[in-house]
Amino acid sequence: MSAHQGSSACRITVDPSTADVLRIEAKKVFMFNHEPLEDFIDYVPAKQLALADIFRDATAVIDVLGWDPDTAARQENVEVPLTPGHVQQLHRRRCDLLDTNLDLLDNIGADNDANTVVMSEIYNNRHGVEALNRLFEAYTTTITT
């Protein structure tokens, strides 16, 4: 179920740093799920709804966090609605970040300037993974209590 339907969604409080990562990763959910939209009209209604829920869930999170990170409230904790489906999408994003870091390690070489860029990307991805881990821990705690 998606957040718009009000069932199976729980609210998780996230700090500003986690909110920044969550905003980016929720937007990436759109990016990495766009191809099925090309054949959307050909799907049975149940599959259309399932695909729509992916986008609704991501939209609900970004709506709370703010679409523009420059104008979002950055000094406060924020409560975001998370559904099991969106958490599943975020788990995929976490795996992608980890895989990307493994790929980036192959780019380490003799060029110190290039290494600085690669290490910066690795650090940013690692920060994203850590933020998602905090989110997953809070989500698991919330749904099991």
Protein backbone atom coordinates (compact mmCIF):
# COMPACT_ATOMS: atom_id res chain seq x y z
CA MET A 1 0.00 0.00 0.00
CA SER A 2 1.21 3.47 -0.63
CA ALA A 3 1.26 6.41 1.72
CA HIS A 4 -1.66 8.05 -0.08
CA GLN A 5 -3.95 5.25 1.00
CA GLY A 6 -2.98 5.67 4.62
CA SER A 7 -2.44 2.00 5.41
CA SER A 8 0.87 0.27 5.95
CA ALA A 9 2.66 3.61 6.05
CA CYS A 10 4.43 4.60 9.20
CA ARG A 11 6.04 7.89 10.10
CA ILE A 12 9.77 8.00 10.79
CA THR A 13 11.57 11.01 12.19
CA VAL A 14 14.75 11.82 10.28
CA ASP A 15 17.50 14.30 11.01
CA PRO A 16 18.49 16.92 8.40
CA SER A 17 21.43 14.90 7.10
CA THR A 18 19.32 11.78 6.61
CA ALA A 19 16.57 13.91 5.06
CA ASP A 20 19.01 15.22 2.46
CA VAL A 21 20.04 11.69 1.48
CA LEU A 22 16.43 10.47 1.52
CA ARG A 23 15.35 13.29 -0.80
CA ILE A 24 18.04 12.38 -3.34
CA GLU A 25 17.42 8.65 -3.13
CA ALA A 26 13.63 9.07 -3.39
CA LYS A 27 14.20 11.12 -6.55
CA LYS A 28 16.43 8.35 -7.88
CA VAL A 29 13.52 5.94 -7.37
CA PHE A 30 11.76 7.93 -10.11
CA MET A 31 14.80 7.81 -12.32
CA PHE A 32 15.36 4.07 -12.03
CA ASN A 33 11.68 3.13 -12.43
CA HIS A 34 10.81 5.24 -15.47
CA GLU A 35 11.18 2.59 -18.20
CA PRO A 36 8.02 0.64 -17.30
CA LEU A 37 6.04 3.84 -17.84
CA GLU A 38 6.65 3.53 -21.58
CA ASP A 39 4.27 0.55 -21.69
CA PHE A 40 2.05 1.68 -18.82
CA ILE A 41 -1.21 1.66 -20.83
CA ASP A 42 -0.60 -1.96 -21.88
CA TYR A 43 -0.43 -3.24 -18.30
CA VAL A 44 -3.32 -4.79 -16.43
CA PRO A 45 -4.81 -2.39 -13.87
CA ALA A 46 -3.15 -4.17 -10.92
CA LYS A 47 0.30 -3.65 -12.45
CA GLN A 48 -0.56 -0.03 -13.29
CA LEU A 49 -1.52 0.55 -9.67
CA ALA A 50 1.65 -1.13 -8.39
CA LEU A 51 3.79 1.10 -10.59
CA ALA A 52 1.80 4.18 -9.60
CA ASP A 53 2.33 3.30 -5.94
CA ILE A 54 6.11 3.38 -6.42
CA PHE A 55 5.84 6.95 -7.64
CA ARG A 56 3.21 7.97 -5.06
CA ASP A 57 5.33 6.69 -2.19
CA ALA A 58 8.41 8.55 -3.41
CA THR A 59 6.37 11.69 -4.02
CA ALA A 60 4.87 11.57 -0.52
CA VAL A 61 8.36 11.47 1.00
CA ILE A 62 9.72 14.29 -1.16
CA ASP A 63 6.62 16.42 -0.56
CA VAL A 64 7.34 16.30 3.18
CA LEU A 65 11.08 16.91 2.78
CA GLY A 66 10.69 19.58 0.13
CA TRP A 67 11.62 19.26 -3.51
CA ASP A 68 14.30 21.94 -3.39
CA PRO A 69 17.04 21.20 -0.86
CA ASP A 70 18.01 24.88 -0.83
CA THR A 71 14.62 25.95 0.51
CA ALA A 72 13.87 22.93 2.73
CA ALA A 73 13.96 23.31 6.49
CA ARG A 74 17.45 22.01 7.21
CA GLN A 75 17.73 22.64 10.95
CA GLU A 76 14.85 20.45 12.10
CA ASN A 77 14.00 16.81 12.29
CA VAL A 78 11.18 15.84 9.93
CA GLU A 79 8.60 13.05 10.03
CA VAL A 80 8.35 11.20 6.73
CA PRO A 81 5.80 8.57 5.66
CA LEU A 82 7.42 5.28 4.72
CA THR A 83 5.66 2.31 3.22
CA PRO A 84 7.06 -1.20 2.90
CA GLY A 85 7.20 -0.70 -0.88
CA HIS A 86 9.24 2.49 -0.62
CA VAL A 87 11.58 0.91 1.91
CA GLN A 88 12.10 -1.92 -0.59
CA GLN A 89 12.98 0.66 -3.26
CA LEU A 90 15.42 2.33 -0.85
CA HIS A 91 17.06 -1.04 -0.12
CA ARG A 92 17.71 -1.34 -3.86
CA ARG A 93 19.19 2.15 -3.86
CA ARG A 94 21.47 1.18 -0.94
CA CYS A 95 22.70 -1.86 -2.89
CA ASP A 96 23.34 0.35 -5.92
CA LEU A 97 25.42 2.75 -3.81
CA LEU A 98 27.51 -0.12 -2.45
CA ASP A 99 28.00 -1.61 -5.92
CA THR A 100 28.98 1.79 -7.30
CA ASN A 101 31.64 2.13 -4.62
CA LEU A 102 33.11 -1.23 -5.57
CA ASP A 103 33.22 -0.10 -9.20
CA LEU A 104 34.79 3.23 -8.22
CA LEU A 105 37.61 1.46 -6.39
CA ASP A 106 38.72 0.10 -9.76
CA ASN A 107 39.38 3.71 -10.82
CA ILE A 108 42.02 4.34 -8.14
CA GLY A 109 45.36 4.78 -9.82
CA ALA A 110 48.48 6.89 -9.98
CA ASP A 111 46.74 10.20 -10.74
CA ASN A 112 46.23 11.96 -7.40
CA ASP A 113 43.74 14.48 -8.80
CA ALA A 114 41.58 11.71 -10.27
CA ASN A 115 41.88 9.76 -7.02
CA THR A 116 40.58 12.77 -5.09
CA VAL A 117 37.47 12.88 -7.27
CA VAL A 118 36.91 9.13 -6.95
CA MET A 119 37.41 9.19 -3.18
CA SER A 120 34.94 12.07 -2.90
CA GLU A 121 32.33 10.05 -4.78
CA ILE A 122 33.03 7.03 -2.59
CA TYR A 123 32.65 9.16 0.53
CA ASN A 124 29.34 10.61 -0.69
CA ASN A 125 27.99 7.16 -1.50
CA ARG A 126 29.15 5.86 1.87
CA HIS A 127 27.40 8.76 3.59
CA GLY A 128 24.24 7.82 1.67
CA VAL A 129 24.50 4.19 2.76
CA GLU A 130 24.98 5.21 6.40
CA ALA A 131 21.94 7.51 6.23
CA LEU A 132 19.82 4.77 4.67
CA ASN A 133 21.01 2.35 7.36
CA ARG A 134 19.81 4.81 10.04
CA LEU A 135 16.50 5.08 8.24
CA PHE A 136 16.09 1.30 7.99
CA GLU A 137 16.91 0.90 11.68
CA ALA A 138 14.32 3.53 12.65
CA TYR A 139 11.76 1.95 10.32
CA THR A 140 12.33 -1.54 11.73
CA THR A 141 12.09 -0.22 15.28
CA THR A 142 8.85 1.59 14.48
CA ILE A 143 7.09 -1.31 12.79
CA THR A 144 8.12 -3.85 15.44
CA THR A 145 7.09 -1.86 18.52
